[in-house]
Amino acid sequence: MLGSWQEESRKCLDIDDGWTTAQCLEDILTRFPALKSLASCLTLALNDSYVDKNAPPMLVRDGDELALIPPISGD
């Protein structure tokens, strides 16, 4: 499933002013329901900085880059 998702990995997301990282993630999961099964293990990054899931949601501004990082493993 990730292979097909990676083929379309760059998307521009139009959001309302004042949206947070949590609201963006919820919107992405609604637009791409196949990702819902990975939601608990996805990591978010905002402008190249990881988003702490336990911290309050961060505000996303025009021009920001929000990345969904899938689970990875390796040595």
Protein backbone atom coordinates (compact mmCIF):
# COMPACT_ATOMS: atom_id res chain seq x y z
CA MET A 1 0.00 0.00 0.00
CA LEU A 2 2.79 2.44 0.77
CA GLY A 3 4.19 1.95 -2.73
CA SER A 4 1.05 3.34 -4.33
CA TRP A 5 0.91 6.12 -1.75
CA GLN A 6 4.53 7.10 -2.40
CA GLU A 7 3.82 7.50 -6.11
CA GLU A 8 1.54 10.39 -5.17
CA SER A 9 3.55 11.51 -2.17
CA ARG A 10 3.53 15.25 -2.82
CA LYS A 11 0.15 16.90 -2.46
CA CYS A 12 -0.78 20.48 -1.91
CA LEU A 13 -3.38 20.78 0.84
CA ASP A 14 -5.63 23.81 0.93
CA ILE A 15 -6.57 24.49 4.53
CA ASP A 16 -8.43 27.16 6.43
CA ASP A 17 -6.53 29.82 8.36
CA GLY A 18 -5.83 28.70 11.89
CA TRP A 19 -5.72 24.94 11.22
CA THR A 20 -3.45 22.85 13.39
CA THR A 21 -1.32 19.82 12.63
CA ALA A 22 -4.03 17.61 14.16
CA GLN A 23 -6.73 19.11 11.92
CA CYS A 24 -4.52 18.66 8.86
CA LEU A 25 -3.88 15.03 9.74
CA GLU A 26 -7.59 14.39 10.19
CA ASP A 27 -8.29 16.01 6.81
CA ILE A 28 -5.60 13.90 5.12
CA LEU A 29 -6.99 10.70 6.66
CA THR A 30 -10.44 11.66 5.37
CA ARG A 31 -9.11 12.30 1.85
CA PHE A 32 -6.96 9.15 1.84
CA PRO A 33 -8.87 6.53 3.86
CA ALA A 34 -6.26 3.84 3.12
CA LEU A 35 -3.93 5.70 5.50
CA LYS A 36 -6.30 5.33 8.47
CA SER A 37 -4.88 1.90 9.28
CA LEU A 38 -1.44 3.53 9.68
CA ALA A 39 -2.60 6.60 11.61
CA SER A 40 -1.37 5.38 15.00
CA CYS A 41 2.15 4.76 13.67
CA LEU A 42 2.56 7.78 11.40
CA THR A 43 4.89 10.54 12.53
CA LEU A 44 4.28 14.14 11.50
CA ALA A 45 6.93 16.68 10.65
CA LEU A 46 6.26 20.37 10.19
CA ASN A 47 8.93 22.27 8.27
CA ASP A 48 11.50 19.49 8.82
CA SER A 49 10.86 19.25 12.59
CA TYR A 50 9.10 16.29 14.14
CA VAL A 51 5.76 17.03 15.79
CA ASP A 52 5.44 15.62 19.32
CA LYS A 53 2.15 13.70 19.50
CA ASN A 54 1.85 14.54 23.21
CA ALA A 55 2.35 18.28 22.75
CA PRO A 56 -0.45 20.68 21.88
CA PRO A 57 -1.15 20.78 18.11
CA MET A 58 0.95 23.27 16.18
CA LEU A 59 -0.49 25.97 13.92
CA VAL A 60 0.10 25.38 10.20
CA ARG A 61 0.67 28.50 8.14
CA ASP A 62 0.62 29.26 4.41
CA GLY A 63 3.76 27.85 2.80
CA ASP A 64 4.51 25.36 5.60
CA GLU A 65 5.46 21.81 4.69
CA LEU A 66 3.72 19.03 6.59
CA ALA A 67 5.15 15.55 6.10
CA LEU A 68 3.66 12.20 7.06
CA ILE A 69 6.45 9.79 7.90
CA PRO A 70 5.45 6.12 7.68
CA PRO A 71 6.79 3.53 10.09
CA ILE A 72 10.29 2.42 9.19
CA SER A 73 12.58 -0.27 10.44
CA GLY A 74 16.17 -1.22 9.92
CA ASP A 75 19.47 -1.83 11.56
